[in-house]
Protein backbone atom coordinates (compact mmCIF):
# COMPACT_ATOMS: atom_id res chain seq x y z
CA MET A 1 0.00 0.00 0.00
CA LYS A 2 1.42 3.37 -1.03
CA THR A 3 1.83 6.46 1.16
CA VAL A 4 1.37 10.15 0.33
CA LEU A 5 2.44 13.12 2.45
CA ILE A 6 0.35 16.25 1.92
CA THR A 7 1.11 19.71 3.30
CA GLY A 8 -1.51 22.27 4.32
CA CYS A 9 -4.31 19.84 5.21
CA SER A 10 -6.18 21.94 7.77
CA SER A 11 -8.74 23.15 5.21
CA GLY A 12 -9.53 23.65 1.53
CA PHE A 13 -7.53 21.82 -1.10
CA GLY A 14 -5.23 19.97 1.27
CA LEU A 15 -8.07 18.61 3.36
CA GLU A 16 -9.91 17.35 0.27
CA ILE A 17 -6.75 15.86 -1.23
CA ALA A 18 -6.19 13.89 1.98
CA ARG A 19 -9.79 12.66 1.95
CA HIS A 20 -9.48 11.62 -1.70
CA PHE A 21 -6.36 9.54 -1.16
CA LEU A 22 -7.84 7.92 1.94
CA ALA A 23 -10.96 7.01 -0.04
CA ASN A 24 -8.72 5.39 -2.65
CA ASP A 25 -6.92 3.16 -0.13
CA TRP A 26 -3.64 5.04 0.23
CA ASN A 27 -1.84 5.62 3.48
CA VAL A 28 -2.03 9.36 4.15
CA VAL A 29 0.29 11.56 6.18
CA ALA A 30 -1.71 14.77 6.55
CA THR A 31 0.34 17.69 7.82
CA MET A 32 -0.67 21.08 9.18
CA ARG A 33 0.74 23.67 11.52
CA THR A 34 -1.78 22.80 14.25
CA PRO A 35 -2.66 19.09 13.97
CA ARG A 36 -6.37 18.17 14.02
CA ALA A 37 -7.26 14.56 13.33
CA ASP A 38 -10.98 15.18 13.86
CA ILE A 39 -11.39 16.97 10.50
CA LEU A 40 -10.51 13.81 8.57
CA PRO A 41 -12.22 10.40 8.46
CA ALA A 42 -11.04 8.04 11.18
CA SER A 43 -8.71 5.50 9.60
CA ASP A 44 -5.76 3.31 10.54
CA ARG A 45 -4.22 4.52 7.26
CA LEU A 46 -4.13 8.14 8.45
CA ARG A 47 -1.48 9.98 10.42
CA VAL A 48 -1.69 13.69 11.23
CA LEU A 49 1.60 15.47 11.86
CA ALA A 50 2.59 18.99 12.82
CA LEU A 51 4.43 20.84 10.07
CA ASP A 52 5.39 24.42 9.33
CA VAL A 53 7.01 24.33 5.89
CA ALA A 54 8.76 27.65 6.60
CA ASP A 55 10.60 26.17 9.60
CA ALA A 56 13.62 23.96 8.82
CA ASP A 57 13.44 22.03 12.09
CA SER A 58 9.73 21.38 11.59
CA VAL A 59 10.36 20.08 8.06
CA GLN A 60 13.06 17.66 9.20
CA ALA A 61 10.97 16.43 12.15
CA ALA A 62 7.93 15.79 9.97
CA ILE A 63 9.92 13.93 7.30
CA ALA A 64 11.55 11.76 9.97
CA ALA A 65 8.20 11.01 11.63
CA ALA A 66 6.49 10.23 8.32
CA GLY A 67 8.88 7.45 7.36
CA PRO A 68 8.98 6.13 3.79
CA ILE A 69 6.58 7.83 1.39
CA ASP A 70 5.80 7.33 -2.29
CA ALA A 71 4.47 10.80 -3.10
CA LEU A 72 4.78 14.35 -1.76
CA VAL A 73 2.06 16.92 -2.40
CA ASN A 74 3.21 20.47 -1.68
CA ASN A 75 -0.09 22.25 -1.15
CA ALA A 76 0.57 24.58 1.80
CA GLY A 77 0.39 28.23 0.83
CA ILE A 78 -0.60 31.72 1.90
CA GLY A 79 -1.99 34.58 -0.14
CA VAL A 80 -1.86 38.35 -0.28
CA LEU A 81 -4.14 40.52 -2.41
CA TYR A 82 -3.05 44.15 -2.13
CA PRO A 83 -1.24 46.87 -4.09
CA LEU A 84 2.51 46.33 -3.97
CA GLU A 85 3.08 49.78 -2.44
CA GLY A 86 1.06 48.68 0.59
CA ILE A 87 2.74 45.30 1.16
CA PRO A 88 5.44 45.37 3.86
CA MET A 89 8.59 43.51 2.86
CA ALA A 90 8.11 41.26 5.89
CA THR A 91 4.81 40.12 4.38
CA ALA A 92 6.39 39.56 0.97
CA ARG A 93 9.11 37.47 2.57
CA ALA A 94 6.56 35.43 4.51
CA VAL A 95 4.66 34.65 1.30
CA PHE A 96 7.85 33.47 -0.42
CA GLU A 97 8.99 31.55 2.67
CA THR A 98 5.81 29.47 2.66
CA ASN A 99 4.85 29.24 -1.01
CA ALA A 100 8.23 28.96 -2.72
CA LEU A 101 10.95 28.18 -0.18
CA GLY A 102 8.65 25.87 1.79
CA THR A 103 8.03 23.86 -1.36
CA ILE A 104 11.75 23.73 -2.11
CA ALA A 105 12.58 22.67 1.46
CA MET A 106 10.03 19.86 1.49
CA THR A 107 11.18 18.64 -1.92
CA GLN A 108 14.83 18.69 -0.91
CA ALA A 109 13.98 16.72 2.24
CA VAL A 110 12.33 13.82 0.38
CA LEU A 111 14.75 13.55 -2.56
CA PRO A 112 17.42 11.40 -0.88
CA ALA A 113 14.95 8.60 -0.15
CA PHE A 114 13.31 8.91 -3.57
CA ARG A 115 16.72 8.80 -5.24
CA ALA A 116 17.77 5.73 -3.24
CA ARG A 117 14.62 3.89 -4.32
CA ARG A 118 14.71 5.39 -7.83
CA ALA A 119 11.00 6.14 -7.45
CA GLY A 120 8.76 8.89 -6.16
CA VAL A 121 6.35 11.63 -7.23
CA ILE A 122 6.37 15.31 -6.24
CA VAL A 123 3.25 17.36 -7.01
CA ASN A 124 3.28 21.10 -6.43
CA VAL A 125 0.01 23.05 -6.26
CA THR A 126 0.31 26.56 -7.70
CA SER A 127 -2.31 28.72 -9.48
CA THR A 128 -3.64 29.83 -12.84
CA VAL A 129 -2.70 33.41 -11.92
CA THR A 130 0.75 32.33 -13.08
CA LEU A 131 -0.76 31.88 -16.57
CA VAL A 132 -2.90 35.02 -16.77
CA SER A 133 -1.76 37.93 -14.62
CA LEU A 134 -4.21 39.75 -12.36
CA PRO A 135 -3.72 43.04 -10.49
CA LEU A 136 -2.97 43.20 -6.75
CA LEU A 137 -1.54 39.66 -6.75
CA SER A 138 2.01 40.51 -7.79
CA VAL A 139 3.77 39.02 -4.76
CA TYR A 140 1.54 35.95 -4.58
CA THR A 141 1.85 35.36 -8.33
CA ALA A 142 5.62 35.73 -8.20
CA SER A 143 5.86 33.16 -5.41
CA LYS A 144 3.75 30.64 -7.32
CA ALA A 145 5.49 31.33 -10.64
CA ALA A 146 8.76 30.56 -8.89
CA VAL A 147 7.35 27.15 -7.98
CA ASN A 148 6.35 26.54 -11.59
CA ALA A 149 9.89 27.26 -12.78
CA PHE A 150 11.41 25.25 -9.94
CA THR A 151 9.23 22.22 -10.70
CA GLU A 152 9.87 22.19 -14.42
CA SER A 153 13.62 22.60 -13.98
CA LEU A 154 13.77 19.97 -11.24
CA ALA A 155 11.97 17.51 -13.52
CA LEU A 156 14.94 17.53 -15.87
CA GLU A 157 17.43 16.59 -13.16
CA VAL A 158 15.40 13.94 -11.33
CA ALA A 159 13.61 12.16 -14.19
CA PRO A 160 16.72 10.03 -14.93
CA LEU A 161 16.51 8.89 -11.29
CA GLY A 162 12.95 7.59 -11.67
CA ILE A 163 11.38 10.59 -9.92
CA ARG A 164 8.44 12.50 -11.44
CA THR A 165 7.42 16.09 -10.74
CA ARG A 166 4.09 17.65 -11.70
CA LEU A 167 2.20 20.93 -11.31
CA VAL A 168 -1.50 21.31 -10.47
CA LEU A 169 -2.93 24.75 -11.26
CA PRO A 170 -6.28 25.59 -9.61
CA GLY A 171 -8.37 28.60 -10.51
CA ARG A 172 -10.51 30.81 -8.25
CA SER A 173 -11.98 28.78 -5.43
CA PRO A 174 -14.69 29.35 -2.82
CA SER A 175 -13.47 26.31 -0.89
CA THR A 176 -10.21 27.69 0.47
CA LYS A 177 -9.25 30.27 3.07
CA PHE A 178 -7.24 32.22 0.49
CA GLY A 179 -9.53 35.25 0.69
CA GLU A 180 -9.60 35.22 4.47
CA ASN A 181 -5.84 34.80 4.70
CA ALA A 182 -5.24 37.46 2.06
CA ARG A 183 -7.46 39.93 3.96
CA ASP A 184 -5.40 39.31 7.08
CA ARG A 185 -2.41 40.68 5.14
CA MET A 186 -4.24 43.77 3.79
CA GLN A 187 -2.86 45.90 6.58
CA GLY A 188 -0.10 48.00 5.05
CA ASP A 189 -0.39 51.68 4.23
CA MET A 190 -2.04 51.94 0.83
CA PRO A 191 -2.12 55.11 -1.30
CA ALA A 192 -5.73 56.15 -1.85
CA GLU A 193 -5.32 56.00 -5.62
CA TYR A 194 -5.45 52.18 -5.46
CA GLN A 195 -8.77 51.96 -3.59
CA PRO A 196 -11.05 51.82 -6.69
CA LEU A 197 -8.98 48.99 -8.15
CA LEU A 198 -8.95 47.14 -4.83
CA ASP A 199 -12.74 47.41 -4.56
CA GLU A 200 -13.13 46.20 -8.15
CA VAL A 201 -10.84 43.19 -7.71
CA VAL A 202 -12.34 42.15 -4.37
CA ALA A 203 -15.82 42.30 -5.92
CA ALA A 204 -14.64 40.20 -8.86
CA VAL A 205 -13.10 37.60 -6.56
CA ARG A 206 -16.40 37.33 -4.70
CA GLY A 207 -18.45 37.35 -7.90
CA GLY A 208 -20.07 34.60 -9.95
CA GLY A 209 -18.82 32.53 -12.84
CA PRO A 210 -16.91 29.27 -13.06
CA VAL A 211 -14.79 28.33 -10.07
CA THR A 212 -12.48 25.58 -8.90
CA LEU A 213 -13.83 23.23 -6.27
CA ALA A 214 -11.65 21.41 -3.78
CA GLU A 215 -12.76 18.15 -5.38
CA ASP A 216 -11.37 19.36 -8.72
CA VAL A 217 -7.96 19.88 -7.18
CA ALA A 218 -8.03 16.52 -5.39
CA GLN A 219 -8.81 14.74 -8.65
CA ALA A 220 -6.06 16.62 -10.49
CA VAL A 221 -3.52 15.75 -7.80
CA TRP A 222 -4.65 12.12 -7.89
CA ARG A 223 -4.06 12.06 -11.63
CA ALA A 224 -0.65 13.70 -11.25
CA VAL A 225 0.43 11.13 -8.66
CA THR A 226 -1.00 7.98 -10.19
CA ASP A 227 -0.75 8.55 -13.96
CA PRO A 228 2.83 8.59 -15.28
CA ALA A 229 1.48 9.84 -18.62
CA SER A 230 -0.10 12.95 -17.08
CA PRO A 231 1.15 16.30 -18.44
CA MET A 232 3.55 18.48 -16.48
CA ARG A 233 0.87 21.16 -15.91
CA ILE A 234 -2.63 20.02 -14.96
CA PRO A 235 -5.33 22.71 -14.64
CA ALA A 236 -7.89 21.99 -11.92
CA GLY A 237 -11.42 23.37 -12.14
CA GLU A 238 -13.71 24.66 -14.86
CA ASP A 239 -12.24 28.15 -14.83
CA ALA A 240 -8.66 26.85 -14.76
CA GLU A 241 -9.31 24.57 -17.73
CA ALA A 242 -10.77 27.51 -19.67
CA VAL A 243 -7.69 29.62 -18.94
CA ALA A 244 -5.33 26.84 -20.02
CA ALA A 245 -7.31 26.16 -23.19
CA ALA A 246 -7.18 29.83 -24.19
CA LEU A 247 -3.37 29.99 -24.12
């Protein structure tokens, strides 16, 4: 029976990915900064571990506690939706620490075991904002675009070792805490000239139209992990598929 380790499982995409793999008879190591086993189905194939991907000691402890795994899903991420002039550099660094450097740290931590076995899959969850730019997401987009580039470059060096890397690109989703987390970071001083644009973008984010559901992302990640013939970039959700098709 195979084992997957998933980061950022406390809600949204990560929680649904963990549920999906459990339902398909995988062993699941669900990680989150504050462990909560009660949000997932009770199962002897489930372990819930503490993990902060931006903390090196936490990464090493979680990898050691997890034991051998067959797949890593880097899903943990934080967002910021705000004009660049109003984003403190500390916030920008925190976004990169989690979204980009956290992904790199987790990947680096699992590679020795994958290389020794000459097998393993790494799936990184990014976003379709890396395909079609949107205003007020410059820092978030940059952090996720860095993961795209990292993943595609890494693929070239680890494929000869039997290791696969893939990207899953969700669109706009009502099933994550992205909006709530992003609002928590809308606290810098913002020149008044940006307010109309901010109001417009926030309204658009909350508006109607096609969206990405957590189930869409779980299915895309499942495909990325289990189908060796899957493409490098897999859009997840109706809106994401439309964006990818238009390119």
